[in-house]
Every structure is written in C-alpha cells, then in structure tokens.
N, C-alpha and C. Protein backbone atom coordinates (compact mmCIF):
# COMPACT_ATOMS: atom_id res chain seq x y z
N MET A 1 -14.48 15.67 2.76
CA MET A 1 -13.78 14.67 1.83
C MET A 1 -12.34 14.45 1.35
N ILE A 2 -12.00 13.43 1.42
CA ILE A 2 -10.54 13.36 1.27
C ILE A 2 -10.18 13.27 -0.13
N GLY A 3 -9.43 14.02 -0.98
CA GLY A 3 -9.13 14.01 -2.11
C GLY A 3 -7.82 12.92 -2.51
N VAL A 4 -8.08 11.78 -3.60
CA VAL A 4 -6.85 11.63 -3.87
C VAL A 4 -6.23 11.43 -5.05
N GLU A 5 -4.97 12.47 -5.02
CA GLU A 5 -4.47 12.61 -6.01
C GLU A 5 -3.60 11.34 -7.15
N ALA A 6 -3.22 10.38 -6.50
CA ALA A 6 -2.92 9.53 -7.24
C ALA A 6 -3.02 8.26 -6.86
N ILE A 7 -3.09 7.04 -7.52
CA ILE A 7 -3.13 5.43 -7.02
C ILE A 7 -2.03 4.83 -7.24
N TRP A 8 -1.40 4.43 -6.25
CA TRP A 8 0.38 3.52 -6.56
C TRP A 8 -0.03 2.14 -6.46
N LEU A 9 -0.15 1.09 -7.57
CA LEU A 9 -0.77 -0.03 -7.19
C LEU A 9 0.68 -1.23 -7.04
N SER A 10 0.11 -1.93 -6.17
CA SER A 10 1.65 -2.43 -5.69
C SER A 10 1.19 -3.94 -6.44
N ILE A 11 2.19 -5.01 -6.99
CA ILE A 11 1.77 -6.02 -7.98
C ILE A 11 2.31 -6.98 -7.10
N GLU A 12 2.98 -7.21 -6.07
CA GLU A 12 3.56 -7.98 -5.09
C GLU A 12 2.41 -7.98 -3.96
N PRO A 13 1.72 -9.49 -3.50
CA PRO A 13 0.88 -9.59 -2.53
C PRO A 13 1.59 -9.46 -1.36
N MET A 14 0.99 -8.74 -0.12
CA MET A 14 0.83 -8.86 1.07
C MET A 14 0.34 -9.46 2.00
N ASP A 15 1.04 -9.57 3.02
CA ASP A 15 0.21 -10.26 4.17
C ASP A 15 -0.69 -9.43 4.76
N MET A 16 -1.89 -9.45 4.75
CA MET A 16 -2.81 -8.83 5.27
C MET A 16 -3.09 -8.93 6.69
N ARG A 17 -2.25 -9.81 7.30
CA ARG A 17 -2.05 -9.48 8.89
C ARG A 17 -0.92 -8.68 9.56
N ALA A 18 -0.36 -8.19 8.62
CA ALA A 18 0.32 -7.31 8.93
C ALA A 18 -0.22 -5.59 9.40
N GLY A 19 0.65 -4.96 10.45
CA GLY A 19 0.04 -3.84 10.86
C GLY A 19 -0.02 -2.72 10.36
N THR A 20 -0.01 -1.61 10.52
CA THR A 20 0.49 -0.52 9.86
C THR A 20 1.69 0.27 9.39
N GLU A 21 2.31 -0.09 10.90
CA GLU A 21 3.90 0.01 10.66
C GLU A 21 4.61 -0.73 9.70
N ILE A 22 4.37 -2.20 9.71
CA ILE A 22 5.20 -3.04 8.73
C ILE A 22 4.51 -2.80 7.45
N ALA A 23 2.93 -1.99 7.18
CA ALA A 23 2.88 -2.04 5.63
C ALA A 23 3.49 -0.81 5.09
N LEU A 24 3.29 0.43 6.13
CA LEU A 24 4.22 1.71 6.07
C LEU A 24 5.65 1.78 5.24
N ALA A 25 6.30 0.71 6.24
CA ALA A 25 7.67 0.33 6.19
C ALA A 25 8.05 -0.47 4.51
N ARG A 26 7.28 -1.27 4.29
CA ARG A 26 7.28 -1.92 3.05
C ARG A 26 6.81 -0.99 1.81
N LEU A 27 5.84 0.01 2.14
CA LEU A 27 5.58 1.17 1.00
C LEU A 27 6.89 1.98 1.04
N ILE A 28 7.52 2.18 2.20
CA ILE A 28 8.66 2.99 1.82
C ILE A 28 9.76 2.36 0.95
N ALA A 29 9.91 1.07 1.24
CA ALA A 29 11.10 0.01 0.36
C ALA A 29 10.73 0.14 -1.06
N VAL A 30 9.56 -0.29 -1.20
CA VAL A 30 9.07 -0.28 -2.73
C VAL A 30 9.04 1.05 -3.23
N PHE A 31 8.30 2.28 -3.05
CA PHE A 31 8.50 3.49 -3.79
C PHE A 31 9.16 4.15 -3.06
N GLY A 32 10.14 4.27 -2.21
CA GLY A 32 10.65 5.22 -1.75
C GLY A 32 10.47 6.19 -0.73
N VAL A 33 9.26 6.61 -0.82
CA VAL A 33 8.73 7.49 -0.09
C VAL A 33 7.29 7.50 0.02
N VAL A 34 6.32 7.99 1.35
CA VAL A 34 5.02 7.72 0.64
C VAL A 34 4.71 9.20 1.00
N LYS A 35 3.64 9.74 -0.11
CA LYS A 35 3.42 10.94 -0.58
C LYS A 35 1.87 11.31 0.05
N PRO A 36 1.42 12.27 0.57
CA PRO A 36 0.25 12.65 1.30
C PRO A 36 -0.78 12.51 -0.07
N HIS A 37 -2.24 12.39 0.72
CA HIS A 37 -3.38 12.29 -0.52
C HIS A 37 -3.26 11.20 -1.82
N CYS A 38 -2.10 10.15 -1.71
CA CYS A 38 -2.20 8.94 -2.30
C CYS A 38 -2.54 7.82 -1.73
N ALA A 39 -3.05 7.09 -2.74
CA ALA A 39 -3.74 5.75 -2.57
C ALA A 39 -3.07 4.57 -2.86
N TYR A 40 -2.74 3.63 -1.86
CA TYR A 40 -1.61 2.32 -1.91
C TYR A 40 -2.15 0.95 -1.71
N PRO A 41 -3.07 0.78 -2.71
CA PRO A 41 -3.36 -0.26 -2.50
C PRO A 41 -2.98 -1.99 -2.60
N PHE A 42 -3.00 -3.03 -1.47
CA PHE A 42 -2.35 -4.08 -1.87
C PHE A 42 -3.36 -5.15 -1.96
N VAL A 43 -3.12 -6.32 -2.36
CA VAL A 43 -3.61 -7.35 -2.41
C VAL A 43 -3.01 -8.89 -1.52
N ASN A 44 -4.24 -9.64 -1.12
CA ASN A 44 -3.57 -10.72 -0.75
C ASN A 44 -2.83 -11.48 -1.77
N ARG A 45 -2.03 -12.86 -1.06
CA ARG A 45 -1.68 -13.65 -2.35
C ARG A 45 -2.77 -14.32 -3.37
N ARG A 46 -3.79 -14.83 -2.29
CA ARG A 46 -4.87 -15.43 -3.45
C ARG A 46 -5.76 -14.54 -3.67
N ALA A 47 -5.40 -13.42 -3.57
CA ALA A 47 -6.52 -11.73 -4.33
C ALA A 47 -7.58 -12.11 -4.07
N ASN A 48 -8.16 -12.38 -3.02
CA ASN A 48 -9.51 -12.49 -2.57
C ASN A 48 -9.87 -11.57 -1.42
N GLU A 49 -8.93 -10.72 -0.97
CA GLU A 49 -9.39 -9.67 0.17
C GLU A 49 -8.81 -8.43 -0.20
C-alpha cells in the first residue's frame, strides 16, 4: 500500500489532456518542488472531472 503523507490541492484548473510531463512541470512551477508520497489533485475548468 502506498502511504500519502500530504495532499497539495491546486486551486487553478488544468487541461486534463496534458501529459505527465506537462503536469509535472506545472507542479514544479506552482509548488517549487515535487515531494514523494504526496498527492497533487487537479480539476478541469468545469470541475466535472
């Protein structure tokens, strides 16, 4: 089982068609660093996905 130590919620929408590299780059731009064992949930503009 994977343990999650923290959840960092983004308040800005993200295009869900973006690939993992773009999502990772966005995380680094917003949070400065990506920590292991943390969750980074995003929503789309309509907040339905």
